[in-house]
PDB file of N, CA and C in Angstrom:
ATOM      1  N   UNK A   1      11.393  -7.322 -13.212  1.00  0.00           N
ATOM      2  CA  UNK A   1      10.079  -7.593 -12.671  1.00  0.00           C
ATOM      3  C   UNK A   1      10.140  -7.452 -11.151  1.00  0.00           C
ATOM      4  N   UNK A   2       9.213  -6.705 -10.596  1.00  0.00           N
ATOM      5  CA  UNK A   2       9.128  -6.505  -9.151  1.00  0.00           C
ATOM      6  C   UNK A   2       8.038  -7.395  -8.574  1.00  0.00           C
ATOM      7  N   UNK A   3       8.201  -7.735  -7.326  1.00  0.00           N
ATOM      8  CA  UNK A   3       7.176  -8.468  -6.570  1.00  0.00           C
ATOM      9  C   UNK A   3       6.414  -7.423  -5.764  1.00  0.00           C
ATOM     10  N   UNK A   4       5.104  -7.287  -6.046  1.00  0.00           N
ATOM     11  CA  UNK A   4       4.277  -6.261  -5.411  1.00  0.00           C
ATOM     12  C   UNK A   4       3.200  -6.939  -4.565  1.00  0.00           C
ATOM     13  N   UNK A   5       3.118  -6.531  -3.299  1.00  0.00           N
ATOM     14  CA  UNK A   5       2.080  -7.008  -2.393  1.00  0.00           C
ATOM     15  C   UNK A   5       0.977  -5.968  -2.345  1.00  0.00           C
ATOM     16  N   UNK A   6      -0.266  -6.379  -2.650  1.00  0.00           N
ATOM     17  CA  UNK A   6      -1.417  -5.491  -2.581  1.00  0.00           C
ATOM     18  C   UNK A   6      -2.268  -5.949  -1.400  1.00  0.00           C
ATOM     19  N   UNK A   7      -2.504  -5.037  -0.463  1.00  0.00           N
ATOM     20  CA  UNK A   7      -3.311  -5.338   0.726  1.00  0.00           C
ATOM     21  C   UNK A   7      -4.557  -4.472   0.662  1.00  0.00           C
ATOM     22  N   UNK A   8      -5.694  -5.100   0.385  1.00  0.00           N
ATOM     23  CA  UNK A   8      -6.963  -4.385   0.266  1.00  0.00           C
ATOM     24  C   UNK A   8      -8.092  -5.373   0.500  1.00  0.00           C
ATOM     25  N   UNK A   9      -9.150  -4.944   1.175  1.00  0.00           N
ATOM     26  CA  UNK A   9     -10.266  -5.841   1.459  1.00  0.00           C
ATOM     27  C   UNK A   9     -11.352  -5.801   0.382  1.00  0.00           C
ATOM     28  N   UNK A  10     -11.162  -4.999  -0.649  1.00  0.00           N
ATOM     29  CA  UNK A  10     -12.132  -4.925  -1.741  1.00  0.00           C
ATOM     30  C   UNK A  10     -11.668  -5.804  -2.907  1.00  0.00           C
ATOM     31  N   UNK A  11     -12.394  -6.892  -3.204  1.00  0.00           N
ATOM     32  CA  UNK A  11     -11.984  -7.789  -4.289  1.00  0.00           C
ATOM     33  C   UNK A  11     -11.812  -7.083  -5.637  1.00  0.00           C
ATOM     34  N   UNK A  12     -12.655  -6.095  -5.922  1.00  0.00           N
ATOM     35  CA  UNK A  12     -12.538  -5.380  -7.201  1.00  0.00           C
ATOM     36  C   UNK A  12     -11.231  -4.586  -7.288  1.00  0.00           C
ATOM     37  N   UNK A  13     -10.802  -4.015  -6.183  1.00  0.00           N
ATOM     38  CA  UNK A  13      -9.543  -3.261  -6.169  1.00  0.00           C
ATOM     39  C   UNK A  13      -8.367  -4.222  -6.318  1.00  0.00           C
ATOM     40  N   UNK A  14      -8.426  -5.357  -5.625  1.00  0.00           N
ATOM     41  CA  UNK A  14      -7.371  -6.363  -5.776  1.00  0.00           C
ATOM     42  C   UNK A  14      -7.255  -6.802  -7.235  1.00  0.00           C
ATOM     43  N   UNK A  15      -8.389  -7.046  -7.865  1.00  0.00           N
ATOM     44  CA  UNK A  15      -8.396  -7.471  -9.265  1.00  0.00           C
ATOM     45  C   UNK A  15      -7.813  -6.385 -10.172  1.00  0.00           C
ATOM     46  N   UNK A  16      -8.259  -5.154  -9.998  1.00  0.00           N
ATOM     47  CA  UNK A  16      -7.766  -4.048 -10.822  1.00  0.00           C
ATOM     48  C   UNK A  16      -6.250  -3.877 -10.666  1.00  0.00           C
ATOM     49  N   UNK A  17      -5.783  -3.938  -9.433  1.00  0.00           N
ATOM     50  CA  UNK A  17      -4.335  -3.808  -9.201  1.00  0.00           C
ATOM     51  C   UNK A  17      -3.585  -4.979  -9.815  1.00  0.00           C
ATOM     52  N   UNK A  18      -4.093  -6.197  -9.601  1.00  0.00           N
ATOM     53  CA  UNK A  18      -3.403  -7.375 -10.131  1.00  0.00           C
ATOM     54  C   UNK A  18      -3.298  -7.327 -11.649  1.00  0.00           C
ATOM     55  N   UNK A  19      -4.408  -7.040 -12.317  1.00  0.00           N
ATOM     56  CA  UNK A  19      -4.416  -7.010 -13.779  1.00  0.00           C
ATOM     57  C   UNK A  19      -3.418  -5.978 -14.307  1.00  0.00           C
ATOM     58  N   UNK A  20      -3.437  -4.771 -13.741  1.00  0.00           N
ATOM     59  CA  UNK A  20      -2.562  -3.718 -14.235  1.00  0.00           C
ATOM     60  C   UNK A  20      -1.097  -3.955 -13.886  1.00  0.00           C
ATOM     61  N   UNK A  21      -0.836  -4.463 -12.694  1.00  0.00           N
ATOM     62  CA  UNK A  21       0.547  -4.735 -12.317  1.00  0.00           C
ATOM     63  C   UNK A  21       1.124  -5.906 -13.105  1.00  0.00           C
ATOM     64  N   UNK A  22       0.323  -6.955 -13.292  1.00  0.00           N
ATOM     65  CA  UNK A  22       0.799  -8.088 -14.092  1.00  0.00           C
ATOM     66  C   UNK A  22       1.019  -7.676 -15.540  1.00  0.00           C
ATOM     67  N   UNK A  23       0.152  -6.838 -16.067  1.00  0.00           N
ATOM     68  CA  UNK A  23       0.315  -6.344 -17.444  1.00  0.00           C
ATOM     69  C   UNK A  23       1.632  -5.586 -17.582  1.00  0.00           C
ATOM     70  N   UNK A  24       2.046  -4.932 -16.499  1.00  0.00           N
ATOM     71  CA  UNK A  24       3.316  -4.196 -16.507  1.00  0.00           C
ATOM     72  C   UNK A  24       4.507  -5.108 -16.223  1.00  0.00           C
ATOM     73  N   UNK A  25       4.236  -6.412 -16.047  1.00  0.00           N
ATOM     74  CA  UNK A  25       5.317  -7.368 -15.882  1.00  0.00           C
ATOM     75  C   UNK A  25       5.695  -7.708 -14.452  1.00  0.00           C
ATOM     76  N   UNK A  26       4.879  -7.317 -13.490  1.00  0.00           N
ATOM     77  CA  UNK A  26       5.196  -7.569 -12.095  1.00  0.00           C
ATOM     78  C   UNK A  26       4.504  -8.820 -11.557  1.00  0.00           C
ATOM     79  N   UNK A  27       5.104  -9.422 -10.570  1.00  0.00           N
ATOM     80  CA  UNK A  27       4.482 -10.517  -9.834  1.00  0.00           C
ATOM     81  C   UNK A  27       3.634  -9.880  -8.733  1.00  0.00           C
ATOM     82  N   UNK A  28       2.407 -10.372  -8.537  1.00  0.00           N
ATOM     83  CA  UNK A  28       1.502  -9.759  -7.571  1.00  0.00           C
ATOM     84  C   UNK A  28       1.124 -10.766  -6.490  1.00  0.00           C
ATOM     85  N   UNK A  29       1.259 -10.316  -5.248  1.00  0.00           N
ATOM     86  CA  UNK A  29       0.787 -11.054  -4.084  1.00  0.00           C
ATOM     87  C   UNK A  29      -0.403 -10.281  -3.535  1.00  0.00           C
ATOM     88  N   UNK A  30      -1.397 -10.980  -2.979  1.00  0.00           N
ATOM     89  CA  UNK A  30      -2.598 -10.300  -2.492  1.00  0.00           C
ATOM     90  C   UNK A  30      -2.922 -10.719  -1.072  1.00  0.00           C
ATOM     91  N   UNK A  31      -3.419  -9.754  -0.296  1.00  0.00           N
ATOM     92  CA  UNK A  31      -3.893 -10.026   1.057  1.00  0.00           C
ATOM     93  C   UNK A  31      -5.154  -9.205   1.300  1.00  0.00           C
ATOM     94  N   UNK A  32      -6.208  -9.825   1.876  1.00  0.00           N
ATOM     95  CA  UNK A  32      -7.459  -9.117   2.100  1.00  0.00           C
ATOM     96  C   UNK A  32      -7.535  -8.361   3.434  1.00  0.00           C
ATOM     97  N   UNK A  33      -6.481  -8.432   4.250  1.00  0.00           N
ATOM     98  CA  UNK A  33      -6.482  -7.698   5.521  1.00  0.00           C
ATOM     99  C   UNK A  33      -5.046  -7.467   5.986  1.00  0.00           C
ATOM    100  N   UNK A  34      -4.909  -6.630   6.992  1.00  0.00           N
ATOM    101  CA  UNK A  34      -3.586  -6.253   7.467  1.00  0.00           C
ATOM    102  C   UNK A  34      -2.789  -7.389   8.068  1.00  0.00           C
ATOM    103  N   UNK A  35      -3.450  -8.259   8.809  1.00  0.00           N
ATOM    104  CA  UNK A  35      -2.741  -9.378   9.442  1.00  0.00           C
ATOM    105  C   UNK A  35      -2.104 -10.285   8.396  1.00  0.00           C
ATOM    106  N   UNK A  36      -2.879 -10.657   7.391  1.00  0.00           N
ATOM    107  CA  UNK A  36      -2.339 -11.517   6.333  1.00  0.00           C
ATOM    108  C   UNK A  36      -1.297 -10.773   5.501  1.00  0.00           C
ATOM    109  N   UNK A  37      -1.526  -9.484   5.313  1.00  0.00           N
ATOM    110  CA  UNK A  37      -0.559  -8.679   4.575  1.00  0.00           C
ATOM    111  C   UNK A  37       0.785  -8.611   5.285  1.00  0.00           C
ATOM    112  N   UNK A  38       0.753  -8.435   6.599  1.00  0.00           N
ATOM    113  CA  UNK A  38       2.014  -8.387   7.351  1.00  0.00           C
ATOM    114  C   UNK A  38       2.730  -9.732   7.291  1.00  0.00           C
ATOM    115  N   UNK A  39       1.970 -10.821   7.407  1.00  0.00           N
ATOM    116  CA  UNK A  39       2.584 -12.154   7.332  1.00  0.00           C
ATOM    117  C   UNK A  39       3.212 -12.390   5.958  1.00  0.00           C
ATOM    118  N   UNK A  40       2.490 -12.027   4.891  1.00  0.00           N
ATOM    119  CA  UNK A  40       3.024 -12.189   3.536  1.00  0.00           C
ATOM    120  C   UNK A  40       4.259 -11.319   3.316  1.00  0.00           C
ATOM    121  N   UNK A  41       4.232 -10.107   3.819  1.00  0.00           N
ATOM    122  CA  UNK A  41       5.378  -9.211   3.647  1.00  0.00           C
ATOM    123  C   UNK A  41       6.625  -9.793   4.302  1.00  0.00           C
ATOM    124  N   UNK A  42       6.455 -10.385   5.459  1.00  0.00           N
ATOM    125  CA  UNK A  42       7.606 -10.954   6.165  1.00  0.00           C
ATOM    126  C   UNK A  42       8.116 -12.222   5.482  1.00  0.00           C
ATOM    127  N   UNK A  43       7.204 -13.044   4.967  1.00  0.00           N
ATOM    128  CA  UNK A  43       7.634 -14.310   4.371  1.00  0.00           C
ATOM    129  C   UNK A  43       8.056 -14.188   2.913  1.00  0.00           C
ATOM    130  N   UNK A  44       7.429 -13.306   2.162  1.00  0.00           N
ATOM    131  CA  UNK A  44       7.665 -13.213   0.712  1.00  0.00           C
ATOM    132  C   UNK A  44       8.587 -12.072   0.300  1.00  0.00           C
ATOM    133  N   UNK A  45       8.851 -11.138   1.191  1.00  0.00           N
ATOM    134  CA  UNK A  45       9.771 -10.028   0.926  1.00  0.00           C
ATOM    135  C   UNK A  45       9.469  -9.287  -0.386  1.00  0.00           C
ATOM    136  N   UNK A  46       8.308  -8.619  -0.473  1.00  0.00           N
ATOM    137  CA  UNK A  46       7.986  -7.893  -1.714  1.00  0.00           C
ATOM    138  C   UNK A  46       8.915  -6.709  -1.930  1.00  0.00           C
ATOM    139  N   UNK A  47       8.983  -6.265  -3.192  1.00  0.00           N
ATOM    140  CA  UNK A  47       9.778  -5.098  -3.553  1.00  0.00           C
ATOM    141  C   UNK A  47       9.009  -3.800  -3.312  1.00  0.00           C
ATOM    142  N   UNK A  48       7.671  -3.916  -3.251  1.00  0.00           N
ATOM    143  CA  UNK A  48       6.795  -2.762  -3.064  1.00  0.00           C
ATOM    144  C   UNK A  48       5.489  -3.252  -2.460  1.00  0.00           C
ATOM    145  N   UNK A  49       4.823  -2.369  -1.713  1.00  0.00           N
ATOM    146  CA  UNK A  49       3.541  -2.710  -1.099  1.00  0.00           C
ATOM    147  C   UNK A  49       2.536  -1.624  -1.443  1.00  0.00           C
ATOM    148  N   UNK A  50       1.343  -2.040  -1.866  1.00  0.00           N
ATOM    149  CA  UNK A  50       0.205  -1.143  -2.067  1.00  0.00           C
ATOM    150  C   UNK A  50      -0.751  -1.454  -0.918  1.00  0.00           C
ATOM    151  N   UNK A  51      -1.100  -0.443  -0.125  1.00  0.00           N
ATOM    152  CA  UNK A  51      -1.797  -0.661   1.136  1.00  0.00           C
ATOM    153  C   UNK A  51      -3.022   0.220   1.279  1.00  0.00           C
ATOM    154  N   UNK A  52      -4.171  -0.407   1.504  1.00  0.00           N
ATOM    155  CA  UNK A  52      -5.408   0.306   1.809  1.00  0.00           C
ATOM    156  C   UNK A  52      -5.353   0.776   3.258  1.00  0.00           C
ATOM    157  N   UNK A  53      -6.083   1.821   3.585  1.00  0.00           N
ATOM    158  CA  UNK A  53      -6.133   2.296   4.968  1.00  0.00           C
ATOM    159  C   UNK A  53      -7.268   1.617   5.723  1.00  0.00           C
ATOM    160  N   UNK A  54      -8.450   1.587   5.133  1.00  0.00           N
ATOM    161  CA  UNK A  54      -9.622   1.054   5.834  1.00  0.00           C
ATOM    162  C   UNK A  54      -9.707  -0.461   5.652  1.00  0.00           C
ATOM    163  N   UNK A  55      -9.037  -1.157   6.546  1.00  0.00           N
ATOM    164  CA  UNK A  55      -8.991  -2.620   6.527  1.00  0.00           C
ATOM    165  C   UNK A  55      -9.685  -3.165   7.767  1.00  0.00           C
ATOM    166  N   UNK A  56     -10.182  -4.392   7.695  1.00  0.00           N
ATOM    167  CA  UNK A  56     -10.778  -4.990   8.896  1.00  0.00           C
ATOM    168  C   UNK A  56      -9.708  -5.271   9.959  1.00  0.00           C
ATOM    169  N   UNK A  57     -10.077  -5.170  11.193  1.00  0.00           N
ATOM    170  CA  UNK A  57      -9.260  -5.467  12.379  1.00  0.00           C
ATOM    171  C   UNK A  57      -8.106  -4.498  12.595  1.00  0.00           C
ATOM    172  N   UNK A  58      -7.132  -4.449  11.711  1.00  0.00           N
ATOM    173  CA  UNK A  58      -5.980  -3.549  11.856  1.00  0.00           C
ATOM    174  C   UNK A  58      -5.996  -2.588  10.667  1.00  0.00           C
ATOM    175  N   UNK A  59      -6.058  -1.281  10.935  1.00  0.00           N
ATOM    176  CA  UNK A  59      -6.117  -0.353   9.795  1.00  0.00           C
ATOM    177  C   UNK A  59      -4.745  -0.199   9.145  1.00  0.00           C
ATOM    178  N   UNK A  60      -4.766   0.337   7.937  1.00  0.00           N
ATOM    179  CA  UNK A  60      -3.555   0.455   7.144  1.00  0.00           C
ATOM    180  C   UNK A  60      -2.480   1.337   7.759  1.00  0.00           C
ATOM    181  N   UNK A  61      -2.879   2.360   8.527  1.00  0.00           N
ATOM    182  CA  UNK A  61      -1.881   3.198   9.187  1.00  0.00           C
ATOM    183  C   UNK A  61      -1.086   2.376  10.202  1.00  0.00           C
ATOM    184  N   UNK A  62      -1.783   1.539  10.960  1.00  0.00           N
ATOM    185  CA  UNK A  62      -1.098   0.675  11.930  1.00  0.00           C
ATOM    186  C   UNK A  62      -0.193  -0.330  11.220  1.00  0.00           C
ATOM    187  N   UNK A  63      -0.679  -0.878  10.106  1.00  0.00           N
ATOM    188  CA  UNK A  63       0.134  -1.816   9.324  1.00  0.00           C
ATOM    189  C   UNK A  63       1.394  -1.112   8.829  1.00  0.00           C
ATOM    190  N   UNK A  64       1.244   0.101   8.297  1.00  0.00           N
ATOM    191  CA  UNK A  64       2.389   0.866   7.802  1.00  0.00           C
ATOM    192  C   UNK A  64       3.390   1.125   8.922  1.00  0.00           C
ATOM    193  N   UNK A  65       2.909   1.523  10.083  1.00  0.00           N
ATOM    194  CA  UNK A  65       3.806   1.778  11.213  1.00  0.00           C
ATOM    195  C   UNK A  65       4.564   0.509  11.604  1.00  0.00           C
ATOM    196  N   UNK A  66       3.876  -0.636  11.565  1.00  0.00           N
ATOM    197  CA  UNK A  66       4.537  -1.906  11.858  1.00  0.00           C
ATOM    198  C   UNK A  66       5.594  -2.215  10.802  1.00  0.00           C
ATOM    199  N   UNK A  67       5.254  -1.998   9.523  1.00  0.00           N
ATOM    200  CA  UNK A  67       6.224  -2.230   8.451  1.00  0.00           C
ATOM    201  C   UNK A  67       7.493  -1.412   8.680  1.00  0.00           C
ATOM    202  N   UNK A  68       7.347  -0.181   9.131  1.00  0.00           N
ATOM    203  CA  UNK A  68       8.512   0.682   9.324  1.00  0.00           C
ATOM    204  C   UNK A  68       9.355   0.257  10.530  1.00  0.00           C
ATOM    205  N   UNK A  69       8.781  -0.522  11.429  1.00  0.00           N
ATOM    206  CA  UNK A  69       9.517  -1.018  12.604  1.00  0.00           C
ATOM    207  C   UNK A  69      10.249  -2.329  12.325  1.00  0.00           C
ATOM    208  N   UNK A  70       9.755  -3.117  11.376  1.00  0.00           N
ATOM    209  CA  UNK A  70      10.323  -4.443  11.103  1.00  0.00           C
ATOM    210  C   UNK A  70      11.519  -4.349  10.160  1.00  0.00           C
ATOM    211  N   UNK A  71      12.546  -5.092  10.465  1.00  0.00           N
ATOM    212  CA  UNK A  71      13.751  -5.120   9.634  1.00  0.00           C
ATOM    213  C   UNK A  71      13.427  -5.537   8.199  1.00  0.00           C
ATOM    214  N   UNK A  72      12.541  -6.537   8.031  1.00  0.00           N
ATOM    215  CA  UNK A  72      12.236  -7.086   6.700  1.00  0.00           C
ATOM    216  C   UNK A  72      11.512  -6.096   5.798  1.00  0.00           C
ATOM    217  N   UNK A  73      10.799  -5.142   6.386  1.00  0.00           N
ATOM    218  CA  UNK A  73       9.968  -4.243   5.576  1.00  0.00           C
ATOM    219  C   UNK A  73      10.305  -2.768   5.763  1.00  0.00           C
ATOM    220  N   UNK A  74      11.276  -2.471   6.579  1.00  0.00           N
ATOM    221  CA  UNK A  74      11.610  -1.078   6.924  1.00  0.00           C
ATOM    222  C   UNK A  74      11.844  -0.208   5.692  1.00  0.00           C
ATOM    223  N   UNK A  75      12.508  -0.738   4.683  1.00  0.00           N
ATOM    224  CA  UNK A  75      12.876   0.063   3.508  1.00  0.00           C
ATOM    225  C   UNK A  75      12.052  -0.242   2.264  1.00  0.00           C
ATOM    226  N   UNK A  76      11.013  -1.039   2.406  1.00  0.00           N
ATOM    227  CA  UNK A  76      10.161  -1.366   1.264  1.00  0.00           C
ATOM    228  C   UNK A  76       9.219  -0.184   0.996  1.00  0.00           C
ATOM    229  N   UNK A  77       9.183   0.324  -0.238  1.00  0.00           N
ATOM    230  CA  UNK A  77       8.248   1.414  -0.546  1.00  0.00           C
ATOM    231  C   UNK A  77       6.805   0.967  -0.352  1.00  0.00           C
ATOM    232  N   UNK A  78       6.014   1.819   0.301  1.00  0.00           N
ATOM    233  CA  UNK A  78       4.597   1.540   0.541  1.00  0.00           C
ATOM    234  C   UNK A  78       3.782   2.690  -0.029  1.00  0.00           C
ATOM    235  N   UNK A  79       2.885   2.358  -0.965  1.00  0.00           N
ATOM    236  CA  UNK A  79       1.970   3.338  -1.538  1.00  0.00           C
ATOM    237  C   UNK A  79       0.604   3.110  -0.906  1.00  0.00           C
ATOM    238  N   UNK A  80       0.081   4.135  -0.250  1.00  0.00           N
ATOM    239  CA  UNK A  80      -1.249   4.060   0.331  1.00  0.00           C
ATOM    240  C   UNK A  80      -2.266   4.229  -0.795  1.00  0.00           C
ATOM    241  N   UNK A  81      -3.255   3.353  -0.834  1.00  0.00           N
ATOM    242  CA  UNK A  81      -4.328   3.413  -1.837  1.00  0.00           C
ATOM    243  C   UNK A  81      -5.624   3.400  -1.046  1.00  0.00           C
ATOM    244  N   UNK A  82      -6.282   4.554  -0.935  1.00  0.00           N
ATOM    245  CA  UNK A  82      -7.365   4.682   0.034  1.00  0.00           C
ATOM    246  C   UNK A  82      -8.415   5.701  -0.364  1.00  0.00           C
ATOM    247  N   UNK A  83      -9.595   5.554   0.211  1.00  0.00           N
ATOM    248  CA  UNK A  83     -10.655   6.537   0.040  1.00  0.00           C
ATOM    249  C   UNK A  83     -10.501   7.685   1.033  1.00  0.00           C
ATOM    250  N   UNK A  84      -9.591   7.552   1.986  1.00  0.00           N
ATOM    251  CA  UNK A  84      -9.370   8.588   3.000  1.00  0.00           C
ATOM    252  C   UNK A  84      -8.533   9.710   2.388  1.00  0.00           C
ATOM    253  N   UNK A  85      -9.233  10.737   1.896  1.00  0.00           N
ATOM    254  CA  UNK A  85      -8.575  11.797   1.140  1.00  0.00           C
ATOM    255  C   UNK A  85      -8.388  13.083   1.945  1.00  0.00           C
ATOM    256  N   UNK A  86      -8.824  13.091   3.194  1.00  0.00           N
ATOM    257  CA  UNK A  86      -8.681  14.300   4.008  1.00  0.00           C
ATOM    258  C   UNK A  86      -7.201  14.635   4.216  1.00  0.00           C
ATOM    259  N   UNK A  87      -6.910  15.903   4.336  1.00  0.00           N
ATOM    260  CA  UNK A  87      -5.532  16.361   4.507  1.00  0.00           C
ATOM    261  C   UNK A  87      -4.857  15.672   5.696  1.00  0.00           C
ATOM    262  N   UNK A  88      -5.556  15.579   6.816  1.00  0.00           N
ATOM    263  CA  UNK A  88      -4.949  14.976   8.003  1.00  0.00           C
ATOM    264  C   UNK A  88      -4.638  13.489   7.803  1.00  0.00           C
ATOM    265  N   UNK A  89      -5.446  12.801   7.004  1.00  0.00           N
ATOM    266  CA  UNK A  89      -5.163  11.393   6.699  1.00  0.00           C
ATOM    267  C   UNK A  89      -3.900  11.282   5.856  1.00  0.00           C
ATOM    268  N   UNK A  90      -3.779  12.156   4.873  1.00  0.00           N
ATOM    269  CA  UNK A  90      -2.583  12.135   4.032  1.00  0.00           C
ATOM    270  C   UNK A  90      -1.334  12.471   4.840  1.00  0.00           C
ATOM    271  N   UNK A  91      -1.437  13.451   5.724  1.00  0.00           N
ATOM    272  CA  UNK A  91      -0.297  13.815   6.569  1.00  0.00           C
ATOM    273  C   UNK A  91       0.092  12.625   7.441  1.00  0.00           C
ATOM    274  N   UNK A  92      -0.900  11.929   7.990  1.00  0.00           N
ATOM    275  CA  UNK A  92      -0.595  10.754   8.814  1.00  0.00           C
ATOM    276  C   UNK A  92       0.126   9.691   7.990  1.00  0.00           C
ATOM    277  N   UNK A  93      -0.341   9.468   6.767  1.00  0.00           N
ATOM    278  CA  UNK A  93       0.310   8.495   5.896  1.00  0.00           C
ATOM    279  C   UNK A  93       1.751   8.869   5.601  1.00  0.00           C
ATOM    280  N   UNK A  94       1.966  10.115   5.201  1.00  0.00           N
ATOM    281  CA  UNK A  94       3.320  10.574   4.885  1.00  0.00           C
ATOM    282  C   UNK A  94       4.213  10.507   6.117  1.00  0.00           C
ATOM    283  N   UNK A  95       3.697  10.958   7.260  1.00  0.00           N
ATOM    284  CA  UNK A  95       4.535  10.990   8.460  1.00  0.00           C
ATOM    285  C   UNK A  95       4.796   9.591   9.013  1.00  0.00           C
ATOM    286  N   UNK A  96       3.959   8.615   8.637  1.00  0.00           N
ATOM    287  CA  UNK A  96       4.174   7.224   9.056  1.00  0.00           C
ATOM    288  C   UNK A  96       5.134   6.484   8.137  1.00  0.00           C
ATOM    289  N   UNK A  97       5.525   7.119   7.040  1.00  0.00           N
ATOM    290  CA  UNK A  97       6.521   6.515   6.168  1.00  0.00           C
ATOM    291  C   UNK A  97       6.023   6.069   4.807  1.00  0.00           C
ATOM    292  N   UNK A  98       4.843   6.527   4.385  1.00  0.00           N
ATOM    293  CA  UNK A  98       4.349   6.165   3.054  1.00  0.00           C
ATOM    294  C   UNK A  98       5.250   6.773   1.978  1.00  0.00           C
ATOM    295  N   UNK A  99       5.423   6.031   0.890  1.00  0.00           N
ATOM    296  CA  UNK A  99       6.204   6.513  -0.251  1.00  0.00           C
ATOM    297  C   UNK A  99       5.328   7.211  -1.275  1.00  0.00           C
ATOM    298  N   UNK A 100       4.022   6.957  -1.220  1.00  0.00           N
ATOM    299  CA  UNK A 100       3.056   7.553  -2.121  1.00  0.00           C
ATOM    300  C   UNK A 100       1.678   7.475  -1.502  1.00  0.00           C
ATOM    301  N   UNK A 101       0.755   8.297  -1.992  1.00  0.00           N
ATOM    302  CA  UNK A 101      -0.604   8.328  -1.442  1.00  0.00           C
ATOM    303  C   UNK A 101      -1.561   8.545  -2.602  1.00  0.00           C
ATOM    304  N   UNK A 102      -2.360   7.535  -2.921  1.00  0.00           N
ATOM    305  CA  UNK A 102      -3.315   7.594  -4.028  1.00  0.00           C
ATOM    306  C   UNK A 102      -4.703   7.428  -3.447  1.00  0.00           C
ATOM    307  N   UNK A 103      -5.618   8.318  -3.833  1.00  0.00           N
ATOM    308  CA  UNK A 103      -6.978   8.234  -3.310  1.00  0.00           C
ATOM    309  C   UNK A 103      -7.906   7.535  -4.299  1.00  0.00           C
ATOM    310  N   UNK A 104      -8.856   6.784  -3.737  1.00  0.00           N
ATOM    311  CA  UNK A 104      -9.879   6.100  -4.528  1.00  0.00           C
ATOM    312  C   UNK A 104     -11.036   7.064  -4.746  1.00  0.00           C
ATOM    313  N   UNK A 105     -11.724   7.007  -5.866  1.00  0.00           N
ATOM    314  CA  UNK A 105     -11.391   6.185  -7.020  1.00  0.00           C
ATOM    315  C   UNK A 105     -10.124   6.716  -7.691  1.00  0.00           C
ATOM    316  N   UNK A 106      -9.453   5.840  -8.397  1.00  0.00           N
ATOM    317  CA  UNK A 106      -8.183   6.197  -8.995  1.00  0.00           C
ATOM    318  C   UNK A 106      -8.114   5.665 -10.415  1.00  0.00           C
ATOM    319  N   UNK A 107      -7.186   6.213 -11.170  1.00  0.00           N
ATOM    320  CA  UNK A 107      -6.910   5.729 -12.514  1.00  0.00           C
ATOM    321  C   UNK A 107      -5.599   4.966 -12.459  1.00  0.00           C
ATOM    322  N   UNK A 108      -5.543   3.766 -13.000  1.00  0.00           N
ATOM    323  CA  UNK A 108      -4.285   3.020 -13.002  1.00  0.00           C
ATOM    324  C   UNK A 108      -3.171   3.735 -13.763  1.00  0.00           C
ATOM    325  N   UNK A 109      -3.515   4.708 -14.579  1.00  0.00           N
ATOM    326  CA  UNK A 109      -2.511   5.422 -15.378  1.00  0.00           C
ATOM    327  C   UNK A 109      -1.912   6.609 -14.639  1.00  0.00           C
ATOM    328  N   UNK A 110      -2.531   7.022 -13.543  1.00  0.00           N
ATOM    329  CA  UNK A 110      -2.053   8.178 -12.797  1.00  0.00           C
ATOM    330  C   UNK A 110      -0.998   7.762 -11.789  1.00  0.00           C
ATOM    331  N   UNK A 111       0.077   8.527 -11.665  1.00  0.00           N
ATOM    332  CA  UNK A 111       1.127   8.195 -10.702  1.00  0.00           C
ATOM    333  C   UNK A 111       0.727   8.692  -9.320  1.00  0.00           C
ATOM    334  N   UNK A 112       1.302   8.102  -8.256  1.00  0.00           N
ATOM    335  CA  UNK A 112       0.988   8.540  -6.892  1.00  0.00           C
ATOM    336  C   UNK A 112       1.310  10.011  -6.691  1.00  0.00           C
ATOM    337  N   UNK A 113       0.426  10.681  -5.947  1.00  0.00           N
ATOM    338  CA  UNK A 113       0.644  12.090  -5.652  1.00  0.00           C
ATOM    339  C   UNK A 113       1.731  12.254  -4.608  1.00  0.00           C
ATOM    340  N   UNK A 114       2.484  13.299  -4.747  1.00  0.00           N
ATOM    341  CA  UNK A 114       3.465  13.668  -3.736  1.00  0.00           C
ATOM    342  C   UNK A 114       2.793  14.630  -2.767  1.00  0.00           C
ATOM    343  N   UNK A 115       3.123  14.503  -1.532  1.00  0.00           N
ATOM    344  CA  UNK A 115       2.532  15.344  -0.510  1.00  0.00           C
ATOM    345  C   UNK A 115       3.000  16.784  -0.660  1.00  0.00           C
ATOM    346  N   UNK A 116       2.069  17.746  -0.504  1.00  0.00           N
ATOM    347  CA  UNK A 116       2.476  19.140  -0.557  1.00  0.00           C
ATOM    348  C   UNK A 116       3.198  19.564   0.728  1.00  0.00           C
ATOM    349  N   UNK A 117       3.063  18.790   1.810  1.00  0.00           N
ATOM    350  CA  UNK A 117       3.668  19.188   3.074  1.00  0.00           C
ATOM    351  C   UNK A 117       4.857  18.313   3.467  1.00  0.00           C
ATOM    352  N   UNK A 118       4.980  17.171   2.880  1.00  0.00           N
ATOM    353  CA  UNK A 118       6.084  16.267   3.213  1.00  0.00           C
ATOM    354  C   UNK A 118       6.723  15.779   1.926  1.00  0.00           C
ATOM    355  N   UNK A 119       8.010  15.656   1.920  1.00  0.00           N
ATOM    356  CA  UNK A 119       8.675  15.095   0.749  1.00  0.00           C
ATOM    357  C   UNK A 119       9.423  13.850   1.170  1.00  0.00           C
ATOM    358  N   UNK A 120       9.459  12.895   0.293  1.00  0.00           N
ATOM    359  CA  UNK A 120      10.156  11.616   0.554  1.00  0.00           C
ATOM    360  C   UNK A 120      11.050  11.338  -0.606  1.00  0.00           C
TER     361      UNK A 120
END
């Protein structure tokens, strides 16, 4: 069982992720914004992070960049889950250290897409 932190400001997305991840046997932590997500990541040490890009106050790209700088989260896989589907947004996510990039709306059964320009 993995501990997964989901950072998203949409309650419906948090619920969908929690239900599906718990059904798969994982423990789920939730944060509605980047600040709380960063605090939870540092204190709870998740095995994986699902991160929205469009968050209040601090966007997900900035959160991801911070995660890659911190010792506690440097090697934790981060899957971006976002409505930002433009090529340049995906490139920014991959180049900032994302392990996966899934665009909304999404199917819980679909695996994260691999970047055509970057491999991890």
